[in-house]
Amino acid sequence: MLVDTQKIDELPLSTKVELMEIVMSALSKNAAEFESPAWHEGILESRAHEVHEPDTWKTFDQVRAALKK
């Protein structure tokens, strides 16, 4: 890999976000060439249904706690 992930870990959060924005911008320039994986459509459909089911919504703190597990 061209990027040393340990060096990325050492960057300040603001620089990591900036780096991510640069990568996303580069990817979006070639969006027409990119084909989403087949499983992604199922995820999007699932999330579209969740929008209409507020009982399933989670708070930011709940999501953050789940991600830390």
C-alpha atoms as a PDB file:
ATOM      1  CA  MET A   1       0.000   0.000   0.000  1.00  0.00           C
ATOM      2  CA  LEU A   2       1.246   3.483  -0.803  1.00  0.00           C
ATOM      3  CA  VAL A   3       0.038   5.000   2.450  1.00  0.00           C
ATOM      4  CA  ASP A   4       1.517   4.228   5.843  1.00  0.00           C
ATOM      5  CA  THR A   5      -1.570   3.824   8.034  1.00  0.00           C
ATOM      6  CA  GLN A   6       0.479   4.325  11.192  1.00  0.00           C
ATOM      7  CA  LYS A   7       1.327   7.819   9.999  1.00  0.00           C
ATOM      8  CA  ILE A   8      -2.365   8.487   9.389  1.00  0.00           C
ATOM      9  CA  ASP A   9      -3.121   7.390  12.956  1.00  0.00           C
ATOM     10  CA  GLU A  10      -0.672  10.022  14.184  1.00  0.00           C
ATOM     11  CA  LEU A  11      -2.345  12.900  12.294  1.00  0.00           C
ATOM     12  CA  PRO A  12      -4.608  15.340  14.130  1.00  0.00           C
ATOM     13  CA  LEU A  13      -8.319  14.745  13.612  1.00  0.00           C
ATOM     14  CA  SER A  14      -8.754  17.903  11.519  1.00  0.00           C
ATOM     15  CA  THR A  15      -6.066  16.697   9.101  1.00  0.00           C
ATOM     16  CA  LYS A  16      -7.660  13.238   8.888  1.00  0.00           C
ATOM     17  CA  VAL A  17     -10.989  14.839   7.972  1.00  0.00           C
ATOM     18  CA  GLU A  18      -9.284  17.035   5.368  1.00  0.00           C
ATOM     19  CA  LEU A  19      -7.532  13.981   3.908  1.00  0.00           C
ATOM     20  CA  MET A  20     -10.835  12.106   3.750  1.00  0.00           C
ATOM     21  CA  GLU A  21     -12.468  15.052   1.943  1.00  0.00           C
ATOM     22  CA  ILE A  22      -9.654  15.062  -0.624  1.00  0.00           C
ATOM     23  CA  VAL A  23     -10.061  11.337  -1.268  1.00  0.00           C
ATOM     24  CA  MET A  24     -13.870  11.628  -1.548  1.00  0.00           C
ATOM     25  CA  SER A  25     -13.492  14.516  -3.985  1.00  0.00           C
ATOM     26  CA  ALA A  26     -11.114  12.480  -6.125  1.00  0.00           C
ATOM     27  CA  LEU A  27     -13.470   9.486  -6.087  1.00  0.00           C
ATOM     28  CA  SER A  28     -16.507  11.574  -6.975  1.00  0.00           C
ATOM     29  CA  LYS A  29     -14.790  12.841 -10.130  1.00  0.00           C
ATOM     30  CA  ASN A  30     -14.907   9.280 -11.451  1.00  0.00           C
ATOM     31  CA  ALA A  31     -18.324   8.375 -10.049  1.00  0.00           C
ATOM     32  CA  ALA A  32     -19.673   7.339 -13.455  1.00  0.00           C
ATOM     33  CA  GLU A  33     -16.948   4.695 -13.695  1.00  0.00           C
ATOM     34  CA  PHE A  34     -17.689   3.276 -10.260  1.00  0.00           C
ATOM     35  CA  GLU A  35     -20.225   0.513  -9.835  1.00  0.00           C
ATOM     36  CA  SER A  36     -21.668   0.066  -6.362  1.00  0.00           C
ATOM     37  CA  PRO A  37     -21.424  -3.442  -4.958  1.00  0.00           C
ATOM     38  CA  ALA A  38     -24.623  -5.503  -5.161  1.00  0.00           C
ATOM     39  CA  TRP A  39     -25.010  -5.660  -1.376  1.00  0.00           C
ATOM     40  CA  HIS A  40     -25.143  -1.855  -1.152  1.00  0.00           C
ATOM     41  CA  GLU A  41     -28.623  -1.631  -2.683  1.00  0.00           C
ATOM     42  CA  GLY A  42     -30.002  -3.819   0.107  1.00  0.00           C
ATOM     43  CA  ILE A  43     -28.439  -1.575   2.743  1.00  0.00           C
ATOM     44  CA  LEU A  44     -29.940   1.533   1.145  1.00  0.00           C
ATOM     45  CA  GLU A  45     -33.391  -0.074   0.986  1.00  0.00           C
ATOM     46  CA  SER A  46     -33.138  -1.095   4.630  1.00  0.00           C
ATOM     47  CA  ARG A  47     -32.211   2.416   5.676  1.00  0.00           C
ATOM     48  CA  ALA A  48     -34.990   3.939   3.585  1.00  0.00           C
ATOM     49  CA  HIS A  49     -37.498   1.870   5.566  1.00  0.00           C
ATOM     50  CA  GLU A  50     -35.911   2.918   8.871  1.00  0.00           C
ATOM     51  CA  VAL A  51     -36.611   6.575   8.088  1.00  0.00           C
ATOM     52  CA  HIS A  52     -40.307   5.815   8.468  1.00  0.00           C
ATOM     53  CA  GLU A  53     -39.798   3.914  11.748  1.00  0.00           C
ATOM     54  CA  PRO A  54     -38.650   6.465  14.362  1.00  0.00           C
ATOM     55  CA  ASP A  55     -38.845   3.812  17.094  1.00  0.00           C
ATOM     56  CA  THR A  56     -35.725   2.225  15.566  1.00  0.00           C
ATOM     57  CA  TRP A  57     -33.702   5.453  15.534  1.00  0.00           C
ATOM     58  CA  LYS A  58     -30.651   5.711  17.778  1.00  0.00           C
ATOM     59  CA  THR A  59     -29.113   8.724  19.444  1.00  0.00           C
ATOM     60  CA  PHE A  60     -25.613   9.839  18.566  1.00  0.00           C
ATOM     61  CA  ASP A  61     -24.367   8.515  21.905  1.00  0.00           C
ATOM     62  CA  GLN A  62     -25.911   5.091  21.237  1.00  0.00           C
ATOM     63  CA  VAL A  63     -24.260   4.899  17.829  1.00  0.00           C
ATOM     64  CA  ARG A  64     -20.907   6.019  19.184  1.00  0.00           C
ATOM     65  CA  ALA A  65     -21.083   3.413  21.979  1.00  0.00           C
ATOM     66  CA  ALA A  66     -21.930   0.671  19.452  1.00  0.00           C
ATOM     67  CA  LEU A  67     -18.984   1.666  17.265  1.00  0.00           C
ATOM     68  CA  LYS A  68     -16.580   1.470  20.211  1.00  0.00           C
ATOM     69  CA  LYS A  69     -17.463  -2.178  20.876  1.00  0.00           C
END
